[in-house]
């Protein structure tokens, strides 16, 4: 699924002589830190983390960087949740956006391959 699309993009880059690029995948801490009562969600994130780390190894020799971002609690509309003031302790979506913007300016010799992100202070 995702692997086919990524390989297709790499083949296109290769045809036009492009040997660099960046892919940022947002997975979840649930990909390595499982929780009960949501096995399907944990499994899907586990698969995404495994996939992205494997293609990172495949593609970095071509100058194509793959980074997996694994946030914990984020104030989103996930599971029909309406973000509110009680979510102030959570990571905000714009924090993830800022992280990706910062990664775009990372020195070319450096590849942050997997980033775990948690709220600074856990919920009470």
Protein backbone atom coordinates (compact mmCIF):
# COMPACT_ATOMS: atom_id res chain seq x y z
CA UNK A 1 0.00 0.00 0.00
CA UNK A 2 2.17 2.89 1.23
CA UNK A 3 5.31 1.05 0.22
CA UNK A 4 4.16 0.85 -3.41
CA UNK A 5 3.45 4.58 -3.50
CA UNK A 6 6.82 5.41 -1.96
CA UNK A 7 8.64 3.14 -4.38
CA UNK A 8 6.76 4.69 -7.29
CA UNK A 9 7.85 8.16 -6.15
CA UNK A 10 11.44 6.96 -5.79
CA UNK A 11 11.37 5.48 -9.30
CA UNK A 12 10.09 8.79 -10.63
CA UNK A 13 12.84 10.68 -8.79
CA UNK A 14 15.40 8.23 -10.18
CA UNK A 15 14.16 8.69 -13.76
CA UNK A 16 14.58 12.45 -13.56
CA UNK A 17 17.92 12.14 -11.76
CA UNK A 18 16.70 13.36 -8.39
CA UNK A 19 18.60 11.66 -5.61
CA UNK A 20 17.25 13.47 -2.61
CA UNK A 21 13.95 13.95 -0.93
CA UNK A 22 12.18 13.90 2.42
CA UNK A 23 9.19 11.96 3.67
CA UNK A 24 7.59 12.65 7.03
CA UNK A 25 5.15 10.08 8.38
CA UNK A 26 3.08 10.82 11.47
CA UNK A 27 2.43 7.58 13.30
CA UNK A 28 1.80 7.32 17.05
CA UNK A 29 3.48 6.22 20.24
CA UNK A 30 0.88 3.46 20.10
CA UNK A 31 3.12 1.90 17.44
CA UNK A 32 5.56 0.83 20.16
CA UNK A 33 3.73 1.58 23.42
CA UNK A 34 0.54 -0.42 23.20
CA UNK A 35 -2.60 0.16 25.23
CA UNK A 36 -5.55 -2.07 25.96
CA UNK A 37 -8.96 -2.05 24.27
CA UNK A 38 -7.73 -0.86 20.87
CA UNK A 39 -5.66 -3.66 19.36
CA UNK A 40 -6.51 -2.69 15.77
CA UNK A 41 -5.26 0.88 16.28
CA UNK A 42 -2.07 -0.36 17.97
CA UNK A 43 -1.48 -2.85 15.17
CA UNK A 44 -1.97 -0.28 12.42
CA UNK A 45 0.50 2.10 14.04
CA UNK A 46 2.96 -0.75 14.69
CA UNK A 47 2.78 -1.59 10.99
CA UNK A 48 3.31 2.03 9.96
CA UNK A 49 6.35 2.40 12.23
CA UNK A 50 7.83 -0.84 10.88
CA UNK A 51 7.16 0.17 7.29
CA UNK A 52 8.63 3.66 7.62
CA UNK A 53 11.74 2.47 9.43
CA UNK A 54 12.33 -0.21 6.77
CA UNK A 55 11.97 2.20 3.84
CA UNK A 56 14.22 4.66 5.67
CA UNK A 57 16.94 2.02 5.47
CA UNK A 58 16.15 1.30 1.82
CA UNK A 59 16.05 4.92 0.64
CA UNK A 60 18.69 6.78 2.63
CA UNK A 61 21.50 5.47 0.42
CA UNK A 62 19.85 7.46 -2.38
CA UNK A 63 19.74 10.65 -0.34
CA UNK A 64 16.04 10.23 0.40
CA UNK A 65 15.27 10.79 4.08
CA UNK A 66 12.34 9.18 5.85
CA UNK A 67 11.34 10.35 9.31
CA UNK A 68 8.70 8.75 11.52
CA UNK A 69 7.12 11.11 14.04
CA UNK A 70 5.42 9.33 16.92
CA UNK A 71 3.35 11.73 19.02
CA UNK A 72 1.58 10.76 22.20
CA UNK A 73 -1.49 12.63 23.38
CA UNK A 74 -2.46 15.28 20.84
CA UNK A 75 -5.47 17.61 21.16
CA UNK A 76 -7.37 16.47 18.06
CA UNK A 77 -10.83 15.42 16.98
CA UNK A 78 -9.80 11.74 17.13
CA UNK A 79 -12.69 9.43 18.16
CA UNK A 80 -15.19 12.31 17.86
CA UNK A 81 -13.43 14.23 20.64
CA UNK A 82 -13.95 17.98 20.61
CA UNK A 83 -10.72 19.67 21.81
CA UNK A 84 -11.32 21.98 24.76
CA UNK A 85 -9.53 23.71 27.65
CA UNK A 86 -9.04 20.39 29.44
CA UNK A 87 -6.70 19.41 26.58
CA UNK A 88 -4.24 22.22 27.30
CA UNK A 89 -1.71 19.69 28.69
CA UNK A 90 -1.67 17.76 25.40
CA UNK A 91 0.54 18.32 22.40
CA UNK A 92 -1.18 20.80 20.10
CA UNK A 93 -1.41 20.06 16.35
CA UNK A 94 0.64 23.16 15.57
CA UNK A 95 3.47 21.72 17.71
CA UNK A 96 3.74 18.79 15.29
CA UNK A 97 3.61 21.22 12.35
CA UNK A 98 6.45 23.24 13.89
CA UNK A 99 8.47 20.07 14.36
CA UNK A 100 8.13 19.21 10.68
CA UNK A 101 9.07 22.77 9.70
CA UNK A 102 12.17 22.48 11.90
CA UNK A 103 13.07 19.11 10.33
CA UNK A 104 13.01 20.72 6.90
CA UNK A 105 15.98 22.85 8.00
CA UNK A 106 18.01 19.97 9.45
CA UNK A 107 21.57 19.78 8.12
CA UNK A 108 21.74 17.30 5.20
CA UNK A 109 24.24 15.07 7.03
CA UNK A 110 21.67 14.37 9.78
CA UNK A 111 18.70 12.00 9.56
CA UNK A 112 16.27 11.98 12.50
CA UNK A 113 14.76 8.61 11.64
CA UNK A 114 12.27 8.16 14.48
CA UNK A 115 11.05 10.84 16.87
CA UNK A 116 8.96 10.11 19.96
CA UNK A 117 7.03 13.14 21.22
CA UNK A 118 5.16 13.36 24.50
CA UNK A 119 3.44 16.12 26.42
CA UNK A 120 5.90 17.84 28.76
CA UNK A 121 3.66 17.16 31.74
CA UNK A 122 1.40 14.08 31.79
CA UNK A 123 -2.31 14.35 32.49
CA UNK A 124 -3.40 14.53 36.11
